[in-house]
Amino acid sequence: VLIALSAREVLQLEPGAVTVQPNGGVNTNYLPTGTLVRPWLYIDPKNQEEVRHGLELLQTFVVNRLAMSTADAWMFTCGIFATILKDFTKTRTIRVVRGGPSSGKTFACRLPITLLLGHQPQVKGTIASLYERAQEPVLLVDNLEKANMVREQLDFLLLAATGGSRAKFGDGRNVVDQTLNTVVVANGVEPFGQTELAER
């Protein structure tokens, strides 16, 4: 597994080893960094002091600020970070944060996603904008309630959960398949009413 850290370095994950390699070096092809995720600083796990310090910062500035139990906050945060490996599985769960009105649901979703992406995620938008953002590692859908969910939104969520594709009209008469390559994180007050969505 190769993950572009920057224009100069890639993180190479293999059984029993994690190494940093030159981007486009002898062992790797060049991986573009893109604009969806800002470059990361990799800390060698052998440097226990830096790892401990990084985890302490993560707990102080993310985990302790989420309005949920410490165990749930760690699980949710680590689940967000694990989305960088989404390309290795076709089926993706939809992560949902539930709570009462003004309980901090949007904040709980935005905080770890911002840390992963390096910028705040967009939370509002049309159905068309959801499809446009469907290549981001994580896509936040805010205030997802069964009472105001339209069929097009449900179809998007089902496609995202299965890694499915939809026909998209390109230039002229060309039709191309658009594959949804994202993990959806949603929040809302009520549980999903649709069985097909709740199962995901």
Protein backbone atom coordinates (compact mmCIF):
# COMPACT_ATOMS: atom_id res chain seq x y z
CA VAL A 1 0.00 0.00 0.00
CA LEU A 2 1.43 3.37 -1.03
CA ILE A 3 0.11 6.65 0.38
CA ALA A 4 1.43 9.98 -0.90
CA LEU A 5 2.68 12.02 2.05
CA SER A 6 3.93 14.86 -0.13
CA ALA A 7 5.36 15.50 -3.59
CA ARG A 8 8.67 14.08 -2.29
CA GLU A 9 7.68 11.15 -0.05
CA VAL A 10 5.30 8.18 0.01
CA LEU A 11 4.37 5.95 2.91
CA GLN A 12 4.80 2.27 2.01
CA LEU A 13 2.73 -0.19 4.06
CA GLU A 14 3.54 -3.89 3.83
CA PRO A 15 3.16 -6.86 6.18
CA GLY A 16 5.29 -6.20 9.24
CA ALA A 17 6.82 -2.94 7.99
CA VAL A 18 6.03 0.72 7.37
CA THR A 19 8.66 2.78 5.55
CA VAL A 20 8.98 6.18 3.93
CA GLN A 21 10.20 6.04 0.32
CA PRO A 22 11.06 8.77 -2.19
CA ASN A 23 8.02 9.63 -4.30
CA GLY A 24 8.87 8.33 -7.77
CA GLY A 25 11.99 6.57 -6.53
CA VAL A 26 13.39 3.16 -7.46
CA ASN A 27 10.70 1.20 -5.61
CA THR A 28 7.69 3.41 -6.31
CA ASN A 29 5.97 5.14 -9.20
CA TYR A 30 5.23 8.83 -8.72
CA LEU A 31 2.01 9.41 -6.77
CA PRO A 32 0.39 12.82 -7.13
CA THR A 33 -0.67 14.35 -3.82
CA GLY A 34 -3.83 16.00 -5.17
CA THR A 35 -5.82 18.72 -3.45
CA LEU A 36 -8.40 16.75 -1.47
CA VAL A 37 -6.05 15.93 1.42
CA ARG A 38 -3.19 18.13 2.58
CA PRO A 39 0.23 16.44 3.06
CA TRP A 40 0.81 14.54 6.30
CA LEU A 41 3.81 14.42 8.59
CA TYR A 42 4.74 10.78 9.16
CA ILE A 43 6.10 9.86 12.60
CA ASP A 44 8.18 6.70 12.69
CA PRO A 45 6.53 4.32 15.21
CA LYS A 46 10.02 3.46 16.50
CA ASN A 47 10.20 6.99 17.89
CA GLN A 48 8.10 6.22 20.95
CA GLU A 49 8.42 9.70 22.43
CA GLU A 50 6.99 11.40 19.32
CA VAL A 51 4.24 8.79 18.99
CA ARG A 52 3.25 9.26 22.64
CA HIS A 53 3.28 13.04 22.21
CA GLY A 54 1.15 12.77 19.05
CA LEU A 55 -1.41 10.55 20.79
CA GLU A 56 -1.54 12.94 23.76
CA LEU A 57 -2.24 15.84 21.39
CA LEU A 58 -4.91 13.78 19.60
CA GLN A 59 -6.58 12.97 22.92
CA THR A 60 -6.39 16.58 24.16
CA PHE A 61 -7.60 18.35 21.02
CA VAL A 62 -9.96 15.75 19.51
CA VAL A 63 -11.00 12.81 21.70
CA ASN A 64 -11.60 14.79 24.91
CA ARG A 65 -13.67 17.38 23.02
CA LEU A 66 -16.24 14.91 21.65
CA ALA A 67 -19.51 14.59 23.58
CA MET A 68 -19.34 10.81 23.89
CA SER A 69 -17.59 8.24 26.04
CA THR A 70 -13.80 8.09 25.73
CA ALA A 71 -13.97 4.61 24.18
CA ASP A 72 -16.56 5.75 21.60
CA ALA A 73 -14.56 8.90 20.84
CA TRP A 74 -11.39 6.87 20.17
CA MET A 75 -13.29 4.36 18.04
CA PHE A 76 -14.98 7.10 16.01
CA THR A 77 -11.74 9.07 15.51
CA CYS A 78 -9.73 6.01 14.50
CA GLY A 79 -12.56 4.97 12.17
CA ILE A 80 -12.28 8.34 10.41
CA PHE A 81 -8.51 7.94 10.03
CA ALA A 82 -8.94 4.39 8.69
CA THR A 83 -10.80 5.78 5.67
CA ILE A 84 -7.42 6.28 3.96
CA LEU A 85 -7.55 2.51 3.34
CA LYS A 86 -11.01 2.64 1.74
CA ASP A 87 -9.73 1.57 -1.68
CA PHE A 88 -9.04 -1.92 -0.34
CA THR A 89 -12.67 -2.77 0.27
CA LYS A 90 -15.67 -2.32 -1.99
CA THR A 91 -18.33 -2.12 0.70
CA ARG A 92 -18.16 0.80 3.13
CA THR A 93 -20.23 1.41 6.22
CA ILE A 94 -22.03 4.70 6.68
CA ARG A 95 -20.83 6.13 9.99
CA VAL A 96 -23.66 7.90 11.81
CA VAL A 97 -23.52 10.17 14.86
CA ARG A 98 -26.86 10.48 16.67
CA GLY A 99 -27.87 12.86 19.43
CA GLY A 100 -30.43 15.42 20.49
CA PRO A 101 -30.70 18.93 19.05
CA SER A 102 -27.62 21.11 19.76
CA SER A 103 -25.71 18.16 21.24
CA GLY A 104 -22.55 18.73 19.20
CA LYS A 105 -23.10 16.16 16.41
CA THR A 106 -21.75 18.33 13.59
CA PHE A 107 -18.75 19.37 15.69
CA ALA A 108 -18.01 15.73 16.55
CA CYS A 109 -17.98 14.85 12.85
CA ARG A 110 -16.04 17.88 11.64
CA LEU A 111 -13.18 17.74 14.14
CA PRO A 112 -11.50 14.41 13.20
CA ILE A 113 -12.38 14.87 9.50
CA THR A 114 -10.67 18.29 9.51
CA LEU A 115 -7.59 16.72 11.08
CA LEU A 116 -7.52 14.00 8.39
CA LEU A 117 -8.13 16.26 5.37
CA GLY A 118 -6.22 19.32 6.56
CA HIS A 119 -9.25 21.53 5.89
CA GLN A 120 -12.83 21.75 7.13
CA PRO A 121 -15.28 19.54 5.24
CA GLN A 122 -18.19 21.10 3.40
CA VAL A 123 -21.42 20.17 5.16
CA LYS A 124 -24.17 21.76 3.08
CA GLY A 125 -25.01 21.25 -0.56
CA THR A 126 -27.30 19.84 -3.20
CA ILE A 127 -27.54 16.25 -4.41
CA ALA A 128 -25.35 17.24 -7.36
CA SER A 129 -22.66 18.60 -5.01
CA LEU A 130 -22.64 15.30 -3.10
CA TYR A 131 -21.76 13.49 -6.32
CA GLU A 132 -19.09 16.09 -7.11
CA ARG A 133 -17.47 15.53 -3.70
CA ALA A 134 -17.74 11.74 -3.92
CA GLN A 135 -13.98 11.31 -4.53
CA GLU A 136 -13.02 12.81 -1.17
CA PRO A 137 -11.82 10.22 1.39
CA VAL A 138 -14.61 11.25 3.78
CA LEU A 139 -17.85 13.04 2.96
CA LEU A 140 -19.89 14.66 5.72
CA VAL A 141 -23.69 14.73 5.34
CA ASP A 142 -25.11 17.04 7.99
CA ASN A 143 -28.55 16.75 9.61
CA LEU A 144 -29.62 13.58 7.81
CA GLU A 145 -33.22 12.96 8.86
CA LYS A 146 -35.71 10.49 7.43
CA ALA A 147 -38.42 13.17 7.32
CA ASN A 148 -36.53 15.34 4.82
CA MET A 149 -34.62 12.67 2.89
CA VAL A 150 -35.49 12.62 -0.80
CA ARG A 151 -35.13 9.54 -3.03
CA GLU A 152 -32.07 10.99 -4.82
CA GLN A 153 -30.27 11.42 -1.50
CA LEU A 154 -31.12 7.87 -0.47
CA ASP A 155 -29.83 6.57 -3.81
CA PHE A 156 -26.57 8.47 -3.29
CA LEU A 157 -26.06 7.00 0.19
CA LEU A 158 -26.77 3.46 -1.03
CA LEU A 159 -24.29 3.86 -3.91
CA ALA A 160 -21.65 5.28 -1.57
CA ALA A 161 -22.09 2.36 0.84
CA THR A 162 -21.61 -0.20 -1.90
CA GLY A 163 -18.91 1.64 -3.87
CA GLY A 164 -21.32 1.64 -6.80
CA SER A 165 -21.40 3.68 -10.00
CA ARG A 166 -23.97 5.80 -11.78
CA ALA A 167 -24.27 6.95 -15.37
CA LYS A 168 -23.11 10.53 -15.79
CA PHE A 169 -23.45 12.55 -18.98
CA GLY A 170 -20.15 13.94 -20.19
CA ASP A 171 -19.40 16.22 -23.13
CA GLY A 172 -21.87 15.95 -25.99
CA ARG A 173 -23.57 12.57 -26.08
CA ASN A 174 -20.95 10.61 -24.15
CA VAL A 175 -22.05 8.78 -21.02
CA VAL A 176 -19.49 7.74 -18.43
CA ASP A 177 -19.77 5.77 -15.21
CA GLN A 178 -19.02 7.77 -12.08
CA THR A 179 -17.83 5.55 -9.24
CA LEU A 180 -18.44 6.85 -5.73
CA ASN A 181 -15.15 6.53 -3.88
CA THR A 182 -15.85 7.99 -0.46
CA VAL A 183 -16.85 7.04 3.08
CA VAL A 184 -19.97 8.84 4.28
CA VAL A 185 -20.17 10.25 7.80
CA ALA A 186 -23.64 11.51 8.68
CA ASN A 187 -25.33 12.97 11.71
CA GLY A 188 -28.91 13.49 12.76
CA VAL A 189 -31.44 13.16 15.54
CA GLU A 190 -33.66 10.31 14.33
CA PRO A 191 -32.61 6.79 13.33
CA PHE A 192 -32.90 5.84 9.66
CA GLY A 193 -36.40 4.76 8.71
CA GLN A 194 -35.41 2.98 5.50
CA THR A 195 -34.42 -0.65 6.12
CA GLU A 196 -32.13 -0.73 3.08
CA LEU A 197 -30.12 2.20 4.47
CA ALA A 198 -30.16 1.12 8.12
CA GLU A 199 -28.56 -2.20 7.14
CA ARG A 200 -25.51 -0.31 5.91
